Amino acid sequence: MKNQRSQLQSLATESRLLREENLREAGISSTVISQAVKAGELIRLSRGIYHHPQAELDENLSLSEVAARVPHAVISLLSALQYHQIGTQQPHAVWILLKQNAVTPKIDYPFLQVVRSRVSGALSEGVVTHSLNDIPTRITNPARTVVDCFKYRRRVGLDVCLEALKSILKKGVKPTEIVEYAKLQRINSVIRPYLDALV
């Protein structure tokens, strides 16, 4: 038990967020984890997610927490816009993309907005893995994020789509890259008139 406790302390100081699954794989029992929480050596952020009391967590905590609990999800739409600092959106939930038939995650907090796709490649094309609070977090890149906003424009609002499109064009994202993802998402005819008007 002492060895497990010291190993847990070592892991907690090395990583900002810890998944219970990874702690168990390292040979640390749930009893030792519970004892560490009771002793204040570890803080339980949410079900299965912990951090050291002195861990320096960044502003992407909610994104990394969702990624830790739903590793197959892709952070998208308004949450990806905020991450890339595109537009002025301040979402009150974490927006994630899942496969059409994936089970909806049971997470009380942070709040989730779930969108689904049956498009082949939707969960891999234009998706980049970032390390947020030491958790691998899959996020759509800027061009793909804006295209997704147009695809789900009824959910996010056309004004959000247009603001985001103008923003990434000003930042130097090439129209050809936007068109490429629009074809993937089968909305080239939707986005093309707006793109032609702005270029």
N, C-alpha and C. Protein backbone atom coordinates (compact mmCIF):
# COMPACT_ATOMS: atom_id res chain seq x y z
N MET A 1 0.82 -1.21 0.00
CA MET A 1 0.00 0.00 0.00
C MET A 1 0.86 1.27 0.00
N LYS A 2 1.95 1.25 0.81
CA LYS A 2 2.83 2.42 0.89
C LYS A 2 3.46 2.69 -0.47
N ASN A 3 3.89 1.59 -1.13
CA ASN A 3 4.49 1.75 -2.46
C ASN A 3 3.50 2.34 -3.44
N GLN A 4 2.26 1.86 -3.38
CA GLN A 4 1.21 2.38 -4.26
C GLN A 4 0.96 3.86 -3.98
N ARG A 5 0.95 4.22 -2.72
CA ARG A 5 0.68 5.61 -2.32
C ARG A 5 1.78 6.53 -2.85
N SER A 6 3.04 6.11 -2.70
CA SER A 6 4.14 6.95 -3.18
C SER A 6 4.16 7.01 -4.71
N GLN A 7 3.79 5.90 -5.35
CA GLN A 7 3.70 5.88 -6.81
C GLN A 7 2.60 6.83 -7.28
N LEU A 8 1.50 6.82 -6.56
CA LEU A 8 0.39 7.71 -6.88
C LEU A 8 0.82 9.17 -6.75
N GLN A 9 1.53 9.50 -5.68
CA GLN A 9 2.02 10.86 -5.48
C GLN A 9 2.94 11.28 -6.62
N SER A 10 3.78 10.35 -7.04
CA SER A 10 4.72 10.63 -8.12
C SER A 10 3.96 10.92 -9.43
N LEU A 11 2.98 10.08 -9.73
CA LEU A 11 2.18 10.26 -10.95
C LEU A 11 1.39 11.57 -10.90
N ALA A 12 0.86 11.88 -9.72
CA ALA A 12 0.04 13.09 -9.55
C ALA A 12 0.86 14.37 -9.74
N THR A 13 2.13 14.34 -9.38
CA THR A 13 2.97 15.53 -9.55
C THR A 13 3.51 15.64 -10.97
N GLU A 14 3.53 14.51 -11.70
CA GLU A 14 4.04 14.51 -13.08
C GLU A 14 2.99 14.95 -14.10
N SER A 15 1.71 14.67 -13.81
CA SER A 15 0.63 14.98 -14.76
C SER A 15 -0.39 15.91 -14.13
N ARG A 16 -0.95 16.79 -14.96
CA ARG A 16 -1.93 17.73 -14.42
C ARG A 16 -3.28 17.06 -14.17
N LEU A 17 -3.73 16.23 -15.10
CA LEU A 17 -4.96 15.47 -14.89
C LEU A 17 -4.64 13.98 -14.97
N LEU A 18 -5.31 13.20 -14.14
CA LEU A 18 -5.09 11.75 -14.10
C LEU A 18 -6.41 11.02 -14.31
N ARG A 19 -6.40 10.01 -15.16
CA ARG A 19 -7.57 9.17 -15.35
C ARG A 19 -7.46 7.96 -14.44
N GLU A 20 -8.54 7.60 -13.78
CA GLU A 20 -8.52 6.44 -12.89
C GLU A 20 -8.10 5.19 -13.64
N GLU A 21 -8.53 5.09 -14.88
CA GLU A 21 -8.17 3.94 -15.73
C GLU A 21 -6.65 3.78 -15.82
N ASN A 22 -5.94 4.91 -16.02
CA ASN A 22 -4.48 4.87 -16.12
C ASN A 22 -3.83 4.54 -14.78
N LEU A 23 -4.42 5.04 -13.69
CA LEU A 23 -3.88 4.73 -12.36
C LEU A 23 -4.03 3.23 -12.07
N ARG A 24 -5.15 2.67 -12.45
CA ARG A 24 -5.38 1.24 -12.23
C ARG A 24 -4.40 0.41 -13.06
N GLU A 25 -4.15 0.88 -14.31
CA GLU A 25 -3.19 0.18 -15.18
C GLU A 25 -1.78 0.22 -14.58
N ALA A 26 -1.48 1.29 -13.80
CA ALA A 26 -0.17 1.43 -13.15
C ALA A 26 -0.09 0.60 -11.86
N GLY A 27 -1.18 -0.13 -11.55
CA GLY A 27 -1.16 -1.01 -10.38
C GLY A 27 -1.63 -0.35 -9.10
N ILE A 28 -2.31 0.80 -9.20
CA ILE A 28 -2.79 1.49 -8.01
C ILE A 28 -4.26 1.14 -7.79
N SER A 29 -4.57 0.63 -6.63
CA SER A 29 -5.93 0.17 -6.35
C SER A 29 -6.88 1.33 -6.08
N SER A 30 -8.18 1.07 -6.22
CA SER A 30 -9.18 2.10 -5.95
C SER A 30 -9.18 2.49 -4.47
N THR A 31 -8.79 1.55 -3.60
CA THR A 31 -8.70 1.84 -2.16
C THR A 31 -7.64 2.91 -1.90
N VAL A 32 -6.49 2.76 -2.53
CA VAL A 32 -5.39 3.73 -2.36
C VAL A 32 -5.80 5.09 -2.92
N ILE A 33 -6.50 5.08 -4.07
CA ILE A 33 -6.97 6.34 -4.66
C ILE A 33 -7.94 7.04 -3.69
N SER A 34 -8.89 6.27 -3.13
CA SER A 34 -9.86 6.83 -2.17
C SER A 34 -9.17 7.40 -0.94
N GLN A 35 -8.16 6.67 -0.44
CA GLN A 35 -7.42 7.13 0.74
C GLN A 35 -6.70 8.45 0.45
N ALA A 36 -6.13 8.54 -0.74
CA ALA A 36 -5.41 9.76 -1.12
C ALA A 36 -6.37 10.95 -1.23
N VAL A 37 -7.58 10.69 -1.72
CA VAL A 37 -8.59 11.75 -1.83
C VAL A 37 -9.01 12.21 -0.43
N LYS A 38 -9.26 11.25 0.46
CA LYS A 38 -9.66 11.58 1.84
C LYS A 38 -8.58 12.36 2.57
N ALA A 39 -7.32 12.04 2.28
CA ALA A 39 -6.19 12.71 2.94
C ALA A 39 -5.86 14.07 2.31
N GLY A 40 -6.56 14.41 1.21
CA GLY A 40 -6.32 15.69 0.54
C GLY A 40 -5.09 15.69 -0.34
N GLU A 41 -4.55 14.49 -0.61
CA GLU A 41 -3.36 14.38 -1.47
C GLU A 41 -3.74 14.35 -2.95
N LEU A 42 -5.01 14.14 -3.20
CA LEU A 42 -5.53 14.04 -4.56
C LEU A 42 -6.93 14.65 -4.55
N ILE A 43 -7.27 15.37 -5.60
CA ILE A 43 -8.60 15.96 -5.70
C ILE A 43 -9.37 15.26 -6.80
N ARG A 44 -10.59 14.84 -6.47
CA ARG A 44 -11.47 14.20 -7.46
C ARG A 44 -12.23 15.30 -8.18
N LEU A 45 -11.89 15.50 -9.46
CA LEU A 45 -12.51 16.54 -10.25
C LEU A 45 -13.91 16.13 -10.69
N SER A 46 -14.01 14.91 -11.17
CA SER A 46 -15.28 14.32 -11.56
C SER A 46 -15.08 12.81 -11.60
N ARG A 47 -16.10 12.08 -11.96
CA ARG A 47 -16.00 10.62 -11.93
C ARG A 47 -14.82 10.11 -12.75
N GLY A 48 -13.86 9.49 -12.07
CA GLY A 48 -12.71 8.90 -12.75
C GLY A 48 -11.61 9.86 -13.15
N ILE A 49 -11.72 11.14 -12.75
CA ILE A 49 -10.72 12.15 -13.11
C ILE A 49 -10.21 12.83 -11.84
N TYR A 50 -8.87 12.88 -11.69
CA TYR A 50 -8.26 13.42 -10.48
C TYR A 50 -7.13 14.38 -10.84
N HIS A 51 -6.74 15.19 -9.84
CA HIS A 51 -5.54 16.01 -10.02
C HIS A 51 -4.91 16.31 -8.66
N HIS A 52 -3.63 16.63 -8.71
CA HIS A 52 -2.88 16.99 -7.50
C HIS A 52 -3.37 18.36 -7.02
N PRO A 53 -3.43 18.59 -5.70
CA PRO A 53 -3.91 19.88 -5.19
C PRO A 53 -3.15 21.09 -5.75
N GLN A 54 -1.87 20.91 -6.08
CA GLN A 54 -1.09 22.04 -6.59
C GLN A 54 -0.91 22.02 -8.11
N ALA A 55 -1.67 21.18 -8.78
CA ALA A 55 -1.55 21.11 -10.25
C ALA A 55 -1.98 22.43 -10.87
N GLU A 56 -1.20 22.90 -11.84
CA GLU A 56 -1.53 24.15 -12.53
C GLU A 56 -2.37 23.82 -13.76
N LEU A 57 -3.67 23.87 -13.58
CA LEU A 57 -4.60 23.55 -14.66
C LEU A 57 -4.85 24.80 -15.50
N ASP A 58 -4.92 24.62 -16.83
CA ASP A 58 -5.09 25.80 -17.69
C ASP A 58 -6.56 26.06 -18.02
N GLU A 59 -6.78 27.04 -18.89
CA GLU A 59 -8.15 27.47 -19.22
C GLU A 59 -8.93 26.44 -20.02
N ASN A 60 -8.26 25.38 -20.47
CA ASN A 60 -8.93 24.33 -21.25
C ASN A 60 -9.38 23.16 -20.39
N LEU A 61 -9.58 23.41 -19.11
CA LEU A 61 -9.92 22.33 -18.18
C LEU A 61 -11.16 21.55 -18.62
N SER A 62 -12.23 22.25 -18.99
CA SER A 62 -13.46 21.54 -19.35
C SER A 62 -13.26 20.67 -20.60
N LEU A 63 -12.47 21.15 -21.57
CA LEU A 63 -12.21 20.37 -22.78
C LEU A 63 -11.40 19.12 -22.45
N SER A 64 -10.35 19.29 -21.62
CA SER A 64 -9.51 18.14 -21.27
C SER A 64 -10.27 17.14 -20.40
N GLU A 65 -11.15 17.65 -19.55
CA GLU A 65 -11.94 16.76 -18.70
C GLU A 65 -12.87 15.89 -19.54
N VAL A 66 -13.51 16.50 -20.54
CA VAL A 66 -14.39 15.73 -21.44
C VAL A 66 -13.57 14.73 -22.25
N ALA A 67 -12.40 15.16 -22.75
CA ALA A 67 -11.54 14.27 -23.52
C ALA A 67 -11.07 13.09 -22.69
N ALA A 68 -10.82 13.32 -21.41
CA ALA A 68 -10.38 12.23 -20.52
C ALA A 68 -11.50 11.22 -20.32
N ARG A 69 -12.73 11.69 -20.27
CA ARG A 69 -13.86 10.81 -20.02
C ARG A 69 -14.45 10.21 -21.30
N VAL A 70 -14.28 10.91 -22.44
CA VAL A 70 -14.83 10.42 -23.71
C VAL A 70 -13.73 10.52 -24.78
N PRO A 71 -12.71 9.66 -24.70
CA PRO A 71 -11.54 9.79 -25.59
C PRO A 71 -11.85 9.71 -27.08
N HIS A 72 -12.95 9.03 -27.45
CA HIS A 72 -13.29 8.88 -28.87
C HIS A 72 -14.03 10.10 -29.44
N ALA A 73 -14.39 11.06 -28.57
CA ALA A 73 -15.10 12.26 -29.02
C ALA A 73 -14.13 13.26 -29.65
N VAL A 74 -14.68 14.09 -30.51
CA VAL A 74 -13.89 15.18 -31.11
C VAL A 74 -14.50 16.50 -30.64
N ILE A 75 -13.67 17.36 -30.06
CA ILE A 75 -14.12 18.69 -29.65
C ILE A 75 -14.37 19.48 -30.94
N SER A 76 -15.57 20.05 -31.06
CA SER A 76 -15.92 20.68 -32.34
C SER A 76 -16.79 21.92 -32.13
N LEU A 77 -17.22 22.48 -33.25
CA LEU A 77 -18.16 23.60 -33.29
C LEU A 77 -17.79 24.74 -32.34
N LEU A 78 -18.70 25.18 -31.47
CA LEU A 78 -18.43 26.38 -30.66
C LEU A 78 -17.23 26.21 -29.73
N SER A 79 -17.02 24.99 -29.22
CA SER A 79 -15.87 24.76 -28.33
C SER A 79 -14.56 24.84 -29.10
N ALA A 80 -14.56 24.33 -30.33
CA ALA A 80 -13.35 24.42 -31.17
C ALA A 80 -13.11 25.86 -31.60
N LEU A 81 -14.20 26.60 -31.89
CA LEU A 81 -14.05 28.03 -32.23
C LEU A 81 -13.37 28.77 -31.07
N GLN A 82 -13.84 28.52 -29.86
CA GLN A 82 -13.27 29.18 -28.69
C GLN A 82 -11.81 28.78 -28.49
N TYR A 83 -11.50 27.49 -28.65
CA TYR A 83 -10.13 27.02 -28.48
C TYR A 83 -9.19 27.72 -29.47
N HIS A 84 -9.63 27.84 -30.73
CA HIS A 84 -8.79 28.47 -31.77
C HIS A 84 -8.90 30.00 -31.77
N GLN A 85 -9.69 30.55 -30.85
CA GLN A 85 -9.91 32.00 -30.76
C GLN A 85 -10.44 32.57 -32.07
N ILE A 86 -11.48 31.89 -32.57
CA ILE A 86 -12.16 32.33 -33.79
C ILE A 86 -13.51 32.93 -33.37
N GLY A 87 -13.74 34.18 -33.71
CA GLY A 87 -15.02 34.80 -33.38
C GLY A 87 -15.12 35.14 -31.90
N THR A 88 -16.36 35.33 -31.46
CA THR A 88 -16.59 35.84 -30.10
C THR A 88 -17.42 34.88 -29.24
N GLN A 89 -17.51 33.64 -29.65
CA GLN A 89 -18.38 32.70 -28.94
C GLN A 89 -17.81 32.31 -27.57
N GLN A 90 -18.70 32.27 -26.58
CA GLN A 90 -18.36 31.81 -25.22
C GLN A 90 -19.35 30.70 -24.86
N PRO A 91 -19.12 29.49 -25.35
CA PRO A 91 -20.10 28.42 -25.13
C PRO A 91 -20.25 28.05 -23.66
N HIS A 92 -21.48 27.70 -23.28
CA HIS A 92 -21.77 27.29 -21.90
C HIS A 92 -21.76 25.77 -21.76
N ALA A 93 -21.36 25.09 -22.83
CA ALA A 93 -21.26 23.63 -22.82
C ALA A 93 -20.08 23.25 -23.70
N VAL A 94 -19.62 22.02 -23.56
CA VAL A 94 -18.55 21.51 -24.43
C VAL A 94 -19.23 20.78 -25.59
N TRP A 95 -18.93 21.25 -26.80
CA TRP A 95 -19.51 20.66 -28.01
C TRP A 95 -18.62 19.53 -28.49
N ILE A 96 -19.21 18.36 -28.66
CA ILE A 96 -18.45 17.21 -29.14
C ILE A 96 -19.14 16.55 -30.33
N LEU A 97 -18.31 15.94 -31.16
CA LEU A 97 -18.79 15.19 -32.33
C LEU A 97 -18.57 13.71 -32.05
N LEU A 98 -19.61 12.91 -32.29
CA LEU A 98 -19.53 11.47 -32.11
C LEU A 98 -20.01 10.77 -33.38
N LYS A 99 -19.67 9.48 -33.50
CA LYS A 99 -20.23 8.68 -34.59
C LYS A 99 -21.74 8.60 -34.41
N GLN A 100 -22.42 8.37 -35.51
CA GLN A 100 -23.89 8.35 -35.51
C GLN A 100 -24.47 7.40 -34.46
N ASN A 101 -23.85 6.21 -34.32
CA ASN A 101 -24.41 5.19 -33.43
C ASN A 101 -23.73 5.11 -32.06
N ALA A 102 -22.88 6.08 -31.74
CA ALA A 102 -22.16 6.05 -30.45
C ALA A 102 -23.12 6.34 -29.30
N VAL A 103 -22.83 5.71 -28.16
CA VAL A 103 -23.64 5.92 -26.96
C VAL A 103 -23.39 7.33 -26.43
N THR A 104 -24.46 8.01 -26.04
CA THR A 104 -24.31 9.36 -25.48
C THR A 104 -23.65 9.27 -24.11
N PRO A 105 -22.55 10.01 -23.89
CA PRO A 105 -21.85 9.95 -22.60
C PRO A 105 -22.74 10.45 -21.46
N LYS A 106 -22.64 9.79 -20.31
CA LYS A 106 -23.40 10.22 -19.13
C LYS A 106 -22.50 11.10 -18.27
N ILE A 107 -22.50 12.37 -18.57
CA ILE A 107 -21.68 13.35 -17.85
C ILE A 107 -22.59 14.47 -17.38
N ASP A 108 -22.62 14.71 -16.08
CA ASP A 108 -23.44 15.79 -15.54
C ASP A 108 -22.77 17.15 -15.72
N TYR A 109 -21.43 17.15 -15.56
CA TYR A 109 -20.68 18.39 -15.69
C TYR A 109 -19.26 18.05 -16.14
N PRO A 110 -18.67 18.82 -17.10
CA PRO A 110 -19.25 19.94 -17.80
C PRO A 110 -20.44 19.52 -18.67
N PHE A 111 -21.34 20.47 -18.95
CA PHE A 111 -22.48 20.18 -19.80
C PHE A 111 -22.00 19.89 -21.22
N LEU A 112 -22.70 18.99 -21.88
CA LEU A 112 -22.32 18.61 -23.24
C LEU A 112 -23.38 19.00 -24.25
N GLN A 113 -22.92 19.36 -25.44
CA GLN A 113 -23.77 19.48 -26.63
C GLN A 113 -23.21 18.47 -27.61
N VAL A 114 -24.01 17.47 -27.95
CA VAL A 114 -23.53 16.38 -28.80
C VAL A 114 -24.10 16.50 -30.20
N VAL A 115 -23.20 16.43 -31.20
CA VAL A 115 -23.63 16.31 -32.60
C VAL A 115 -23.07 14.99 -33.11
N ARG A 116 -23.74 14.46 -34.11
CA ARG A 116 -23.34 13.15 -34.63
C ARG A 116 -23.14 13.21 -36.13
N SER A 117 -22.31 12.30 -36.63
CA SER A 117 -22.07 12.26 -38.07
C SER A 117 -21.96 10.82 -38.55
N ARG A 118 -22.51 10.59 -39.72
CA ARG A 118 -22.35 9.27 -40.36
C ARG A 118 -21.39 9.37 -41.55
N VAL A 119 -20.82 10.57 -41.76
CA VAL A 119 -19.87 10.79 -42.86
C VAL A 119 -18.56 10.06 -42.57
N SER A 120 -18.10 9.26 -43.52
CA SER A 120 -16.83 8.55 -43.37
C SER A 120 -15.70 9.58 -43.29
N GLY A 121 -14.87 9.47 -42.28
CA GLY A 121 -13.75 10.40 -42.12
C GLY A 121 -14.07 11.62 -41.29
N ALA A 122 -15.32 11.77 -40.85
CA ALA A 122 -15.71 12.96 -40.08
C ALA A 122 -15.00 13.04 -38.73
N LEU A 123 -14.59 11.89 -38.19
CA LEU A 123 -13.92 11.89 -36.89
C LEU A 123 -12.40 11.83 -37.01
N SER A 124 -11.89 11.96 -38.26
CA SER A 124 -10.43 11.93 -38.43
C SER A 124 -9.91 13.04 -39.34
N GLU A 125 -10.61 13.37 -40.41
CA GLU A 125 -10.15 14.40 -41.34
C GLU A 125 -10.21 15.78 -40.70
N GLY A 126 -9.08 16.47 -40.68
CA GLY A 126 -9.05 17.81 -40.10
C GLY A 126 -9.12 17.81 -38.59
N VAL A 127 -8.82 16.66 -37.99
CA VAL A 127 -8.84 16.53 -36.53
C VAL A 127 -7.40 16.43 -36.03
N VAL A 128 -7.04 17.29 -35.09
CA VAL A 128 -5.67 17.33 -34.55
C VAL A 128 -5.72 17.01 -33.06
N THR A 129 -4.77 16.19 -32.60
CA THR A 129 -4.70 15.87 -31.18
C THR A 129 -3.77 16.86 -30.47
N HIS A 130 -4.32 17.55 -29.49
CA HIS A 130 -3.56 18.51 -28.67
C HIS A 130 -3.45 17.94 -27.26
N SER A 131 -2.37 18.26 -26.56
CA SER A 131 -2.24 17.85 -25.16
C SER A 131 -2.73 18.99 -24.28
N LEU A 132 -3.92 18.81 -23.69
CA LEU A 132 -4.49 19.82 -22.80
C LEU A 132 -4.50 19.26 -21.39
N ASN A 133 -3.80 19.91 -20.49
CA ASN A 133 -3.65 19.43 -19.12
C ASN A 133 -3.16 17.97 -19.09
N ASP A 134 -2.26 17.66 -20.03
CA ASP A 134 -1.65 16.33 -20.16
C ASP A 134 -2.64 15.25 -20.61
N ILE A 135 -3.76 15.66 -21.18
CA ILE A 135 -4.74 14.72 -21.71
C ILE A 135 -4.78 14.88 -23.23
N PRO A 136 -4.59 13.80 -24.00
CA PRO A 136 -4.71 13.91 -25.47
C PRO A 136 -6.15 14.29 -25.81
N THR A 137 -6.30 15.43 -26.50
CA THR A 137 -7.62 15.97 -26.78
C THR A 137 -7.76 16.21 -28.28
N ARG A 138 -8.74 15.57 -28.88
CA ARG A 138 -8.95 15.67 -30.34
C ARG A 138 -9.85 16.87 -30.65
N ILE A 139 -9.34 17.78 -31.49
CA ILE A 139 -10.05 19.02 -31.80
C ILE A 139 -10.00 19.25 -33.31
N THR A 140 -11.11 19.70 -33.88
CA THR A 140 -11.10 20.02 -35.31
C THR A 140 -10.23 21.26 -35.54
N ASN A 141 -9.52 21.28 -36.68
CA ASN A 141 -8.67 22.43 -37.00
C ASN A 141 -9.56 23.62 -37.42
N PRO A 142 -9.01 24.83 -37.55
CA PRO A 142 -9.85 26.00 -37.84
C PRO A 142 -10.76 25.86 -39.07
N ALA A 143 -10.19 25.42 -40.21
CA ALA A 143 -11.01 25.32 -41.43
C ALA A 143 -12.13 24.29 -41.25
N ARG A 144 -11.78 23.15 -40.70
CA ARG A 144 -12.79 22.10 -40.49
C ARG A 144 -13.86 22.56 -39.49
N THR A 145 -13.44 23.32 -38.47
CA THR A 145 -14.38 23.82 -37.46
C THR A 145 -15.44 24.71 -38.10
N VAL A 146 -15.00 25.61 -38.96
CA VAL A 146 -15.93 26.54 -39.62
C VAL A 146 -16.87 25.79 -40.56
N VAL A 147 -16.33 24.83 -41.29
CA VAL A 147 -17.17 24.02 -42.18
C VAL A 147 -18.23 23.27 -41.37
N ASP A 148 -17.81 22.72 -40.23
CA ASP A 148 -18.77 22.02 -39.36
C ASP A 148 -19.87 22.95 -38.87
N CYS A 149 -19.49 24.20 -38.57
CA CYS A 149 -20.50 25.18 -38.14
C CYS A 149 -21.57 25.36 -39.22
N PHE A 150 -21.13 25.43 -40.48
CA PHE A 150 -22.09 25.55 -41.58
C PHE A 150 -22.95 24.27 -41.70
N LYS A 151 -22.32 23.13 -41.49
CA LYS A 151 -23.08 21.87 -41.57
C LYS A 151 -24.16 21.81 -40.49
N TYR A 152 -23.83 22.30 -39.31
CA TYR A 152 -24.79 22.28 -38.19
C TYR A 152 -25.31 23.69 -37.91
N ARG A 153 -25.52 24.47 -38.99
CA ARG A 153 -25.89 25.87 -38.85
C ARG A 153 -27.23 26.05 -38.13
N ARG A 154 -28.11 25.07 -38.22
CA ARG A 154 -29.39 25.18 -37.50
C ARG A 154 -29.18 25.08 -35.99
N ARG A 155 -28.10 24.45 -35.59
CA ARG A 155 -27.80 24.33 -34.15
C ARG A 155 -27.02 25.54 -33.63
N VAL A 156 -26.10 26.05 -34.44
CA VAL A 156 -25.22 27.12 -33.93
C VAL A 156 -25.64 28.52 -34.39
N GLY A 157 -26.40 28.61 -35.49
CA GLY A 157 -26.83 29.90 -36.01
C GLY A 157 -25.95 30.37 -37.17
N LEU A 158 -26.59 30.87 -38.22
CA LEU A 158 -25.86 31.31 -39.41
C LEU A 158 -24.94 32.50 -39.12
N ASP A 159 -25.34 33.36 -38.17
CA ASP A 159 -24.49 34.51 -37.83
C ASP A 159 -23.15 34.06 -37.26
N VAL A 160 -23.16 32.99 -36.49
CA VAL A 160 -21.92 32.42 -35.93
C VAL A 160 -21.04 31.90 -37.08
N CYS A 161 -21.66 31.21 -38.03
CA CYS A 161 -20.92 30.66 -39.18
C CYS A 161 -20.23 31.76 -39.98
N LEU A 162 -20.97 32.83 -40.26
CA LEU A 162 -20.41 33.92 -41.07
C LEU A 162 -19.29 34.66 -40.34
N GLU A 163 -19.48 34.90 -39.05
CA GLU A 163 -18.43 35.55 -38.26
C GLU A 163 -17.16 34.70 -38.26
N ALA A 164 -17.33 33.39 -38.09
CA ALA A 164 -16.18 32.47 -38.06
C ALA A 164 -15.49 32.38 -39.41
N LEU A 165 -16.27 32.36 -40.49
CA LEU A 165 -15.70 32.29 -41.84
C LEU A 165 -14.86 33.54 -42.12
N LYS A 166 -15.41 34.71 -41.82
CA LYS A 166 -14.66 35.97 -42.01
C LYS A 166 -13.37 35.96 -41.19
N SER A 167 -13.46 35.47 -39.96
CA SER A 167 -12.32 35.46 -39.05
C SER A 167 -11.17 34.59 -39.57
N ILE A 168 -11.49 33.37 -40.04
CA ILE A 168 -10.38 32.50 -40.47
C ILE A 168 -9.78 32.96 -41.79
N LEU A 169 -10.60 33.59 -42.64
CA LEU A 169 -10.04 34.12 -43.89
C LEU A 169 -9.06 35.25 -43.59
N LYS A 170 -9.40 36.09 -42.60
CA LYS A 170 -8.49 37.17 -42.18
C LYS A 170 -7.21 36.61 -41.58
N LYS A 171 -7.33 35.46 -40.94
CA LYS A 171 -6.15 34.83 -40.32
C LYS A 171 -5.29 34.08 -41.32
N GLY A 172 -5.72 34.04 -42.58
CA GLY A 172 -4.90 33.43 -43.63
C GLY A 172 -5.22 32.00 -44.00
N VAL A 173 -6.35 31.47 -43.52
CA VAL A 173 -6.75 30.12 -43.95
C VAL A 173 -7.16 30.20 -45.41
N LYS A 174 -6.66 29.27 -46.22
CA LYS A 174 -6.90 29.33 -47.66
C LYS A 174 -8.30 28.81 -48.01
N PRO A 175 -8.98 29.50 -48.94
CA PRO A 175 -10.30 29.04 -49.38
C PRO A 175 -10.31 27.59 -49.88
N THR A 176 -9.21 27.17 -50.51
CA THR A 176 -9.14 25.79 -51.03
C THR A 176 -9.25 24.76 -49.89
N GLU A 177 -8.66 25.09 -48.74
CA GLU A 177 -8.73 24.19 -47.58
C GLU A 177 -10.17 24.11 -47.07
N ILE A 178 -10.86 25.25 -47.06
CA ILE A 178 -12.25 25.28 -46.62
C ILE A 178 -13.12 24.44 -47.56
N VAL A 179 -12.90 24.60 -48.86
CA VAL A 179 -13.67 23.85 -49.87
C VAL A 179 -13.44 22.35 -49.72
N GLU A 180 -12.20 21.97 -49.43
CA GLU A 180 -11.86 20.55 -49.25
C GLU A 180 -12.71 19.92 -48.13
N TYR A 181 -12.80 20.61 -47.00
CA TYR A 181 -13.59 20.08 -45.88
C TYR A 181 -15.10 20.19 -46.16
N ALA A 182 -15.48 21.20 -46.93
CA ALA A 182 -16.90 21.34 -47.30
C ALA A 182 -17.34 20.16 -48.16
N LYS A 183 -16.45 19.70 -49.03
CA LYS A 183 -16.76 18.52 -49.86
C LYS A 183 -16.86 17.27 -48.99
N LEU A 184 -15.95 17.14 -48.02
CA LEU A 184 -15.99 16.00 -47.09
C LEU A 184 -17.33 15.97 -46.36
N GLN A 185 -17.78 17.13 -45.91
CA GLN A 185 -19.01 17.22 -45.14
C GLN A 185 -20.26 17.39 -46.02
N ARG A 186 -20.06 17.34 -47.33
CA ARG A 186 -21.15 17.39 -48.31
C ARG A 186 -21.98 18.67 -48.21
N ILE A 187 -21.30 19.79 -47.98
CA ILE A 187 -22.01 21.07 -47.92
C ILE A 187 -21.33 22.15 -48.77
N ASN A 188 -20.62 21.71 -49.81
CA ASN A 188 -19.91 22.65 -50.67
C ASN A 188 -20.86 23.67 -51.28
N SER A 189 -22.04 23.21 -51.70
CA SER A 189 -23.01 24.12 -52.34
C SER A 189 -23.57 25.13 -51.34
N VAL A 190 -23.55 24.78 -50.05
CA VAL A 190 -24.05 25.69 -49.00
C VAL A 190 -23.04 26.79 -48.72
N ILE A 191 -21.78 26.40 -48.54
CA ILE A 191 -20.75 27.35 -48.10
C ILE A 191 -20.18 28.18 -49.26
N ARG A 192 -20.23 27.64 -50.47
CA ARG A 192 -19.58 28.28 -51.63
C ARG A 192 -20.04 29.73 -51.88
N PRO A 193 -21.34 30.03 -51.87
CA PRO A 193 -21.75 31.43 -52.12
C PRO A 193 -21.19 32.42 -51.10
N TYR A 194 -21.14 32.00 -49.84
CA TYR A 194 -20.60 32.87 -48.78
C TYR A 194 -19.10 33.07 -48.98
N LEU A 195 -18.43 31.99 -49.34
CA LEU A 195 -16.98 32.03 -49.54
C LEU A 195 -16.66 32.94 -50.74
N ASP A 196 -17.40 32.78 -51.84
CA ASP A 196 -17.17 33.60 -53.04
C ASP A 196 -17.41 35.08 -52.76
N ALA A 197 -18.37 35.37 -51.89
CA ALA A 197 -18.69 36.76 -51.56
C ALA A 197 -17.60 37.43 -50.72
N LEU A 198 -16.86 36.61 -49.97
CA LEU A 198 -15.86 37.16 -49.06
C LEU A 198 -14.44 37.17 -49.63
N VAL A 199 -14.20 36.35 -50.64
CA VAL A 199 -12.83 36.25 -51.18
C VAL A 199 -12.61 37.31 -52.25
